[in-house]
Amino acid sequence: MLRTAALLIAFVVALAGARLASADDALLADVLHRLGENGGVRARYHERKTVSLLSAPIESAGTLYFDPPDHLARHVEGAGGAKMAVAGDLVVMRDATGEERLRIGESEVARGLAESFSVALRGDLSLLGSRYETEIQGDLASWRLRLVPRSRALARLVDRIVLEGSGGTLRRVELVEVGGDRTTTEFEDVATGVHFGPEERARIFLIDRAPARVDD
């Protein structure tokens, strides 16, 4: 009798766990579907980077742009007006001192860092699952998605990436490095369904000439 009761309890616990996993999978699929439906995105951001060797955090603010499937740009406001853009395997960095253009090629680390959250913005569940171990909590109104790199090369640098949002809107991204340094980016005034014309696209994503190539 006791053995039967124990088996029954174990079955119920396993069933409950399966249902929770199924619910989490459904939530993840729903969130990514909504993110993927956003199309072009423009948002204000505030970034705070905490570095163990520095006594105070590094802060910046500006505008983030995303044009699916793989164009992401960040324009920093203020002195210097630094800009960074990722377009496929092309990374462009421009500031008052000049410009650098790189092809990240087959570099897992460079590609992983460059795609750290654009892979979620595009809403590709299969791609996200191939690049990261995923764990989602909450509900559609307030969700938290934890990503752990599958790539050993990237995992030597990045411990985890945590995304938070509501529905199909990304509100916050935290990238935690293995050494404990972390970068937190918060978004506001998020506009979706943004269409970038050819000239605007070239200006925002800095795509107007050939770069050098960099590999591991």
C-alpha atoms as a PDB file:
ATOM      1  CA  MET A   1       0.000   0.000   0.000  1.00  0.00           C
ATOM      2  CA  LEU A   2       2.797   2.410   0.944  1.00  0.00           C
ATOM      3  CA  ARG A   3       4.687   1.490  -2.219  1.00  0.00           C
ATOM      4  CA  THR A   4       1.584   2.168  -4.308  1.00  0.00           C
ATOM      5  CA  ALA A   5       1.077   5.544  -2.628  1.00  0.00           C
ATOM      6  CA  ALA A   6       4.718   6.479  -3.210  1.00  0.00           C
ATOM      7  CA  LEU A   7       4.469   5.550  -6.890  1.00  0.00           C
ATOM      8  CA  LEU A   8       1.272   7.573  -7.219  1.00  0.00           C
ATOM      9  CA  ILE A   9       2.901  10.632  -5.631  1.00  0.00           C
ATOM     10  CA  ALA A  10       5.928  10.285  -7.911  1.00  0.00           C
ATOM     11  CA  PHE A  11       3.625  10.074 -10.938  1.00  0.00           C
ATOM     12  CA  VAL A  12       1.683  13.184  -9.901  1.00  0.00           C
ATOM     13  CA  VAL A  13       4.902  15.142  -9.307  1.00  0.00           C
ATOM     14  CA  ALA A  14       6.289  14.079 -12.689  1.00  0.00           C
ATOM     15  CA  LEU A  15       3.023  15.000 -14.392  1.00  0.00           C
ATOM     16  CA  ALA A  16       3.005  18.415 -12.730  1.00  0.00           C
ATOM     17  CA  GLY A  17       6.595  18.984 -13.829  1.00  0.00           C
ATOM     18  CA  ALA A  18       5.725  18.041 -17.405  1.00  0.00           C
ATOM     19  CA  ARG A  19       2.793  20.459 -17.380  1.00  0.00           C
ATOM     20  CA  LEU A  20       4.990  23.267 -16.053  1.00  0.00           C
ATOM     21  CA  ALA A  21       7.591  22.584 -18.738  1.00  0.00           C
ATOM     22  CA  SER A  22       4.853  22.571 -21.372  1.00  0.00           C
ATOM     23  CA  ALA A  23       3.485  25.882 -20.071  1.00  0.00           C
ATOM     24  CA  ASP A  24       6.972  27.417 -20.134  1.00  0.00           C
ATOM     25  CA  ASP A  25       7.526  26.194 -23.696  1.00  0.00           C
ATOM     26  CA  ALA A  26       4.204  27.709 -24.741  1.00  0.00           C
ATOM     27  CA  LEU A  27       5.056  31.029 -23.085  1.00  0.00           C
ATOM     28  CA  LEU A  28       8.477  31.135 -24.748  1.00  0.00           C
ATOM     29  CA  ALA A  29       6.960  30.398 -28.154  1.00  0.00           C
ATOM     30  CA  ASP A  30       4.284  33.066 -27.628  1.00  0.00           C
ATOM     31  CA  VAL A  31       6.787  35.719 -26.526  1.00  0.00           C
ATOM     32  CA  LEU A  32       9.138  35.043 -29.437  1.00  0.00           C
ATOM     33  CA  HIS A  33       6.233  35.025 -31.891  1.00  0.00           C
ATOM     34  CA  ARG A  34       5.170  38.462 -30.660  1.00  0.00           C
ATOM     35  CA  LEU A  35       8.732  39.778 -30.780  1.00  0.00           C
ATOM     36  CA  GLY A  36       9.091  38.486 -34.323  1.00  0.00           C
ATOM     37  CA  GLU A  37       5.857  40.202 -35.381  1.00  0.00           C
ATOM     38  CA  ASN A  38       7.202  43.604 -34.331  1.00  0.00           C
ATOM     39  CA  GLY A  39       9.126  44.160 -37.537  1.00  0.00           C
ATOM     40  CA  GLY A  40      11.377  47.202 -37.421  1.00  0.00           C
ATOM     41  CA  VAL A  41      12.030  48.623 -33.956  1.00  0.00           C
ATOM     42  CA  ARG A  42      13.181  52.027 -32.715  1.00  0.00           C
ATOM     43  CA  ALA A  43      13.669  52.643 -28.977  1.00  0.00           C
ATOM     44  CA  ARG A  44      15.370  54.929 -26.518  1.00  0.00           C
ATOM     45  CA  TYR A  45      17.852  53.138 -24.268  1.00  0.00           C
ATOM     46  CA  HIS A  46      19.879  53.735 -21.139  1.00  0.00           C
ATOM     47  CA  GLU A  47      22.896  51.512 -20.531  1.00  0.00           C
ATOM     48  CA  ARG A  48      24.796  50.974 -17.298  1.00  0.00           C
ATOM     49  CA  LYS A  49      28.004  48.925 -17.289  1.00  0.00           C
ATOM     50  CA  THR A  50      29.509  47.811 -13.984  1.00  0.00           C
ATOM     51  CA  VAL A  51      33.194  46.872 -14.150  1.00  0.00           C
ATOM     52  CA  SER A  52      34.994  45.420 -11.131  1.00  0.00           C
ATOM     53  CA  LEU A  53      38.145  47.452 -11.813  1.00  0.00           C
ATOM     54  CA  LEU A  54      36.260  50.766 -11.854  1.00  0.00           C
ATOM     55  CA  SER A  55      34.868  52.586  -8.824  1.00  0.00           C
ATOM     56  CA  ALA A  56      31.830  53.904 -10.707  1.00  0.00           C
ATOM     57  CA  PRO A  57      29.661  52.427 -13.464  1.00  0.00           C
ATOM     58  CA  ILE A  58      29.900  53.564 -17.079  1.00  0.00           C
ATOM     59  CA  GLU A  59      26.593  54.984 -18.301  1.00  0.00           C
ATOM     60  CA  SER A  60      25.348  55.966 -21.736  1.00  0.00           C
ATOM     61  CA  ALA A  61      22.062  56.659 -23.497  1.00  0.00           C
ATOM     62  CA  GLY A  62      20.833  56.916 -27.043  1.00  0.00           C
ATOM     63  CA  THR A  63      18.681  55.201 -29.645  1.00  0.00           C
ATOM     64  CA  LEU A  64      18.565  51.561 -30.667  1.00  0.00           C
ATOM     65  CA  TYR A  65      17.343  50.420 -34.088  1.00  0.00           C
ATOM     66  CA  PHE A  66      16.461  46.939 -35.311  1.00  0.00           C
ATOM     67  CA  ASP A  67      15.558  45.997 -38.874  1.00  0.00           C
ATOM     68  CA  PRO A  68      14.842  42.254 -39.179  1.00  0.00           C
ATOM     69  CA  PRO A  69      16.247  39.813 -39.642  1.00  0.00           C
ATOM     70  CA  ASP A  70      19.807  40.855 -38.789  1.00  0.00           C
ATOM     71  CA  HIS A  71      20.373  44.633 -38.766  1.00  0.00           C
ATOM     72  CA  LEU A  72      20.941  46.177 -35.335  1.00  0.00           C
ATOM     73  CA  ALA A  73      22.329  49.638 -34.554  1.00  0.00           C
ATOM     74  CA  ARG A  74      23.036  51.692 -31.462  1.00  0.00           C
ATOM     75  CA  HIS A  75      23.589  55.449 -31.709  1.00  0.00           C
ATOM     76  CA  VAL A  76      24.964  57.007 -28.528  1.00  0.00           C
ATOM     77  CA  GLU A  77      23.926  60.566 -27.751  1.00  0.00           C
ATOM     78  CA  GLY A  78      26.241  63.213 -26.355  1.00  0.00           C
ATOM     79  CA  ALA A  79      29.912  63.980 -26.884  1.00  0.00           C
ATOM     80  CA  GLY A  80      31.550  61.886 -29.578  1.00  0.00           C
ATOM     81  CA  GLY A  81      28.288  60.564 -30.976  1.00  0.00           C
ATOM     82  CA  ALA A  82      29.541  56.979 -31.143  1.00  0.00           C
ATOM     83  CA  LYS A  83      27.648  54.571 -33.386  1.00  0.00           C
ATOM     84  CA  MET A  84      27.765  50.798 -33.643  1.00  0.00           C
ATOM     85  CA  ALA A  85      25.914  48.671 -36.156  1.00  0.00           C
ATOM     86  CA  VAL A  86      25.638  44.977 -36.932  1.00  0.00           C
ATOM     87  CA  ALA A  87      24.444  43.908 -40.367  1.00  0.00           C
ATOM     88  CA  GLY A  88      24.733  40.171 -40.873  1.00  0.00           C
ATOM     89  CA  ASP A  89      28.374  39.343 -40.199  1.00  0.00           C
ATOM     90  CA  LEU A  90      29.454  42.972 -40.608  1.00  0.00           C
ATOM     91  CA  VAL A  91      30.207  45.059 -37.510  1.00  0.00           C
ATOM     92  CA  VAL A  92      30.764  48.808 -37.858  1.00  0.00           C
ATOM     93  CA  MET A  93      32.018  51.106 -35.084  1.00  0.00           C
ATOM     94  CA  ARG A  94      32.217  54.850 -35.679  1.00  0.00           C
ATOM     95  CA  ASP A  95      33.073  57.761 -33.373  1.00  0.00           C
ATOM     96  CA  ALA A  96      34.859  61.114 -33.431  1.00  0.00           C
ATOM     97  CA  THR A  97      38.231  59.401 -33.952  1.00  0.00           C
ATOM     98  CA  GLY A  98      37.208  57.467 -37.042  1.00  0.00           C
ATOM     99  CA  GLU A  99      35.611  54.233 -38.146  1.00  0.00           C
ATOM    100  CA  GLU A 100      36.355  50.525 -37.992  1.00  0.00           C
ATOM    101  CA  ARG A 101      34.635  47.843 -40.071  1.00  0.00           C
ATOM    102  CA  LEU A 102      35.019  44.137 -39.462  1.00  0.00           C
ATOM    103  CA  ARG A 103      33.672  40.896 -40.876  1.00  0.00           C
ATOM    104  CA  ILE A 104      33.213  38.583 -37.911  1.00  0.00           C
ATOM    105  CA  GLY A 105      33.092  35.541 -40.181  1.00  0.00           C
ATOM    106  CA  GLU A 106      33.184  32.252 -38.296  1.00  0.00           C
ATOM    107  CA  SER A 107      34.203  33.747 -34.932  1.00  0.00           C
ATOM    108  CA  GLU A 108      31.768  32.254 -32.403  1.00  0.00           C
ATOM    109  CA  VAL A 109      32.664  34.812 -29.750  1.00  0.00           C
ATOM    110  CA  ALA A 110      32.369  37.885 -31.969  1.00  0.00           C
ATOM    111  CA  ARG A 111      29.168  36.624 -33.560  1.00  0.00           C
ATOM    112  CA  GLY A 112      27.666  35.682 -30.209  1.00  0.00           C
ATOM    113  CA  LEU A 113      28.380  39.082 -28.681  1.00  0.00           C
ATOM    114  CA  ALA A 114      27.129  40.917 -31.757  1.00  0.00           C
ATOM    115  CA  GLU A 115      23.888  38.912 -31.759  1.00  0.00           C
ATOM    116  CA  SER A 116      23.452  38.918 -27.980  1.00  0.00           C
ATOM    117  CA  PHE A 117      19.816  39.974 -28.149  1.00  0.00           C
ATOM    118  CA  SER A 118      18.995  40.548 -31.833  1.00  0.00           C
ATOM    119  CA  VAL A 119      18.549  36.771 -32.025  1.00  0.00           C
ATOM    120  CA  ALA A 120      15.587  37.168 -29.649  1.00  0.00           C
ATOM    121  CA  LEU A 121      14.210  40.270 -31.381  1.00  0.00           C
ATOM    122  CA  ARG A 122      13.876  38.352 -34.635  1.00  0.00           C
ATOM    123  CA  GLY A 123      11.643  35.811 -32.857  1.00  0.00           C
ATOM    124  CA  ASP A 124      13.372  32.713 -34.230  1.00  0.00           C
ATOM    125  CA  LEU A 125      12.731  29.999 -31.629  1.00  0.00           C
ATOM    126  CA  SER A 126      14.830  27.379 -33.421  1.00  0.00           C
ATOM    127  CA  LEU A 127      17.846  29.687 -33.778  1.00  0.00           C
ATOM    128  CA  LEU A 128      17.570  30.887 -30.183  1.00  0.00           C
ATOM    129  CA  GLY A 129      17.456  27.290 -28.931  1.00  0.00           C
ATOM    130  CA  SER A 130      20.494  26.336 -31.002  1.00  0.00           C
ATOM    131  CA  ARG A 131      22.560  29.214 -29.596  1.00  0.00           C
ATOM    132  CA  TYR A 132      21.370  29.275 -25.969  1.00  0.00           C
ATOM    133  CA  GLU A 133      19.883  27.185 -23.205  1.00  0.00           C
ATOM    134  CA  THR A 134      16.625  28.943 -22.367  1.00  0.00           C
ATOM    135  CA  GLU A 135      14.583  29.366 -19.200  1.00  0.00           C
ATOM    136  CA  ILE A 136      11.517  31.599 -19.091  1.00  0.00           C
ATOM    137  CA  GLN A 137       9.550  32.721 -16.035  1.00  0.00           C
ATOM    138  CA  GLY A 138       6.422  34.771 -15.404  1.00  0.00           C
ATOM    139  CA  ASP A 139       3.545  35.254 -17.805  1.00  0.00           C
ATOM    140  CA  LEU A 140       2.861  37.155 -21.007  1.00  0.00           C
ATOM    141  CA  ALA A 141       2.256  40.408 -19.125  1.00  0.00           C
ATOM    142  CA  SER A 142       5.633  40.225 -17.369  1.00  0.00           C
ATOM    143  CA  TRP A 143       8.209  37.674 -18.504  1.00  0.00           C
ATOM    144  CA  ARG A 144      11.885  37.022 -17.801  1.00  0.00           C
ATOM    145  CA  LEU A 145      13.982  34.994 -20.249  1.00  0.00           C
ATOM    146  CA  ARG A 146      17.366  33.636 -19.167  1.00  0.00           C
ATOM    147  CA  LEU A 147      19.840  32.649 -21.889  1.00  0.00           C
ATOM    148  CA  VAL A 148      23.009  30.634 -21.275  1.00  0.00           C
ATOM    149  CA  PRO A 149      25.426  30.313 -24.234  1.00  0.00           C
ATOM    150  CA  ARG A 150      25.819  26.825 -25.694  1.00  0.00           C
ATOM    151  CA  SER A 151      29.062  27.786 -27.426  1.00  0.00           C
ATOM    152  CA  ARG A 152      32.015  26.913 -25.189  1.00  0.00           C
ATOM    153  CA  ALA A 153      33.998  29.814 -26.625  1.00  0.00           C
ATOM    154  CA  LEU A 154      31.281  32.346 -25.792  1.00  0.00           C
ATOM    155  CA  ALA A 155      30.562  30.709 -22.420  1.00  0.00           C
ATOM    156  CA  ARG A 156      34.133  31.447 -21.352  1.00  0.00           C
ATOM    157  CA  LEU A 157      33.206  35.145 -21.500  1.00  0.00           C
ATOM    158  CA  VAL A 158      29.441  35.343 -20.977  1.00  0.00           C
ATOM    159  CA  ASP A 159      27.752  33.669 -18.018  1.00  0.00           C
ATOM    160  CA  ARG A 160      24.190  34.570 -18.975  1.00  0.00           C
ATOM    161  CA  ILE A 161      21.943  37.060 -20.727  1.00  0.00           C
ATOM    162  CA  VAL A 162      18.628  37.954 -19.107  1.00  0.00           C
ATOM    163  CA  LEU A 163      15.845  39.609 -21.091  1.00  0.00           C
ATOM    164  CA  GLU A 164      12.721  41.062 -19.496  1.00  0.00           C
ATOM    165  CA  GLY A 165       9.610  42.343 -21.168  1.00  0.00           C
ATOM    166  CA  SER A 166       5.865  42.540 -21.496  1.00  0.00           C
ATOM    167  CA  GLY A 167       4.012  40.901 -24.360  1.00  0.00           C
ATOM    168  CA  GLY A 168       6.054  41.558 -27.476  1.00  0.00           C
ATOM    169  CA  THR A 169       7.964  44.488 -25.968  1.00  0.00           C
ATOM    170  CA  LEU A 170      11.519  44.108 -24.717  1.00  0.00           C
ATOM    171  CA  ARG A 171      12.067  46.309 -21.654  1.00  0.00           C
ATOM    172  CA  ARG A 172      15.431  45.295 -20.217  1.00  0.00           C
ATOM    173  CA  VAL A 173      18.534  43.263 -21.114  1.00  0.00           C
ATOM    174  CA  GLU A 174      21.266  42.275 -18.686  1.00  0.00           C
ATOM    175  CA  LEU A 175      24.495  40.663 -19.887  1.00  0.00           C
ATOM    176  CA  VAL A 176      26.543  39.100 -17.086  1.00  0.00           C
ATOM    177  CA  GLU A 177      30.148  38.222 -17.829  1.00  0.00           C
ATOM    178  CA  VAL A 178      31.958  35.268 -16.274  1.00  0.00           C
ATOM    179  CA  GLY A 179      34.127  37.585 -14.179  1.00  0.00           C
ATOM    180  CA  GLY A 180      31.076  39.319 -12.707  1.00  0.00           C
ATOM    181  CA  ASP A 181      31.050  42.491 -14.810  1.00  0.00           C
ATOM    182  CA  ARG A 182      27.591  43.255 -16.119  1.00  0.00           C
ATOM    183  CA  THR A 183      25.885  45.512 -18.630  1.00  0.00           C
ATOM    184  CA  THR A 184      22.248  46.466 -18.100  1.00  0.00           C
ATOM    185  CA  THR A 185      20.238  48.114 -20.876  1.00  0.00           C
ATOM    186  CA  GLU A 186      16.736  49.490 -20.304  1.00  0.00           C
ATOM    187  CA  PHE A 187      14.376  50.560 -23.087  1.00  0.00           C
ATOM    188  CA  GLU A 188      11.591  53.120 -23.314  1.00  0.00           C
ATOM    189  CA  ASP A 189       9.547  54.853 -26.029  1.00  0.00           C
ATOM    190  CA  VAL A 190       9.600  51.585 -27.963  1.00  0.00           C
ATOM    191  CA  ALA A 191       8.153  51.920 -31.476  1.00  0.00           C
ATOM    192  CA  THR A 192       7.457  48.788 -33.532  1.00  0.00           C
ATOM    193  CA  GLY A 193       6.477  48.231 -37.148  1.00  0.00           C
ATOM    194  CA  VAL A 194       9.069  50.828 -38.173  1.00  0.00           C
ATOM    195  CA  HIS A 195       9.940  50.939 -41.874  1.00  0.00           C
ATOM    196  CA  PHE A 196      13.443  52.069 -42.793  1.00  0.00           C
ATOM    197  CA  GLY A 197      13.766  53.510 -46.295  1.00  0.00           C
ATOM    198  CA  PRO A 198      16.913  52.747 -48.337  1.00  0.00           C
ATOM    199  CA  GLU A 199      18.723  56.003 -47.492  1.00  0.00           C
ATOM    200  CA  GLU A 200      17.696  55.908 -43.832  1.00  0.00           C
ATOM    201  CA  ARG A 201      18.710  52.252 -43.605  1.00  0.00           C
ATOM    202  CA  ALA A 202      22.168  52.967 -45.037  1.00  0.00           C
ATOM    203  CA  ARG A 203      22.641  55.933 -42.685  1.00  0.00           C
ATOM    204  CA  ILE A 204      21.459  54.178 -39.526  1.00  0.00           C
ATOM    205  CA  PHE A 205      23.176  50.837 -40.117  1.00  0.00           C
ATOM    206  CA  LEU A 206      26.345  52.378 -41.606  1.00  0.00           C
ATOM    207  CA  ILE A 207      26.405  50.089 -44.632  1.00  0.00           C
ATOM    208  CA  ASP A 208      28.089  51.864 -47.510  1.00  0.00           C
ATOM    209  CA  ARG A 209      31.456  50.234 -48.188  1.00  0.00           C
ATOM    210  CA  ALA A 210      33.449  47.008 -47.845  1.00  0.00           C
ATOM    211  CA  PRO A 211      35.078  46.081 -44.510  1.00  0.00           C
ATOM    212  CA  ALA A 212      38.071  44.025 -43.441  1.00  0.00           C
ATOM    213  CA  ARG A 213      37.568  40.433 -42.278  1.00  0.00           C
ATOM    214  CA  VAL A 214      38.372  39.155 -38.799  1.00  0.00           C
ATOM    215  CA  ASP A 215      38.189  35.503 -37.700  1.00  0.00           C
ATOM    216  CA  ASP A 216      39.271  33.518 -34.620  1.00  0.00           C
END
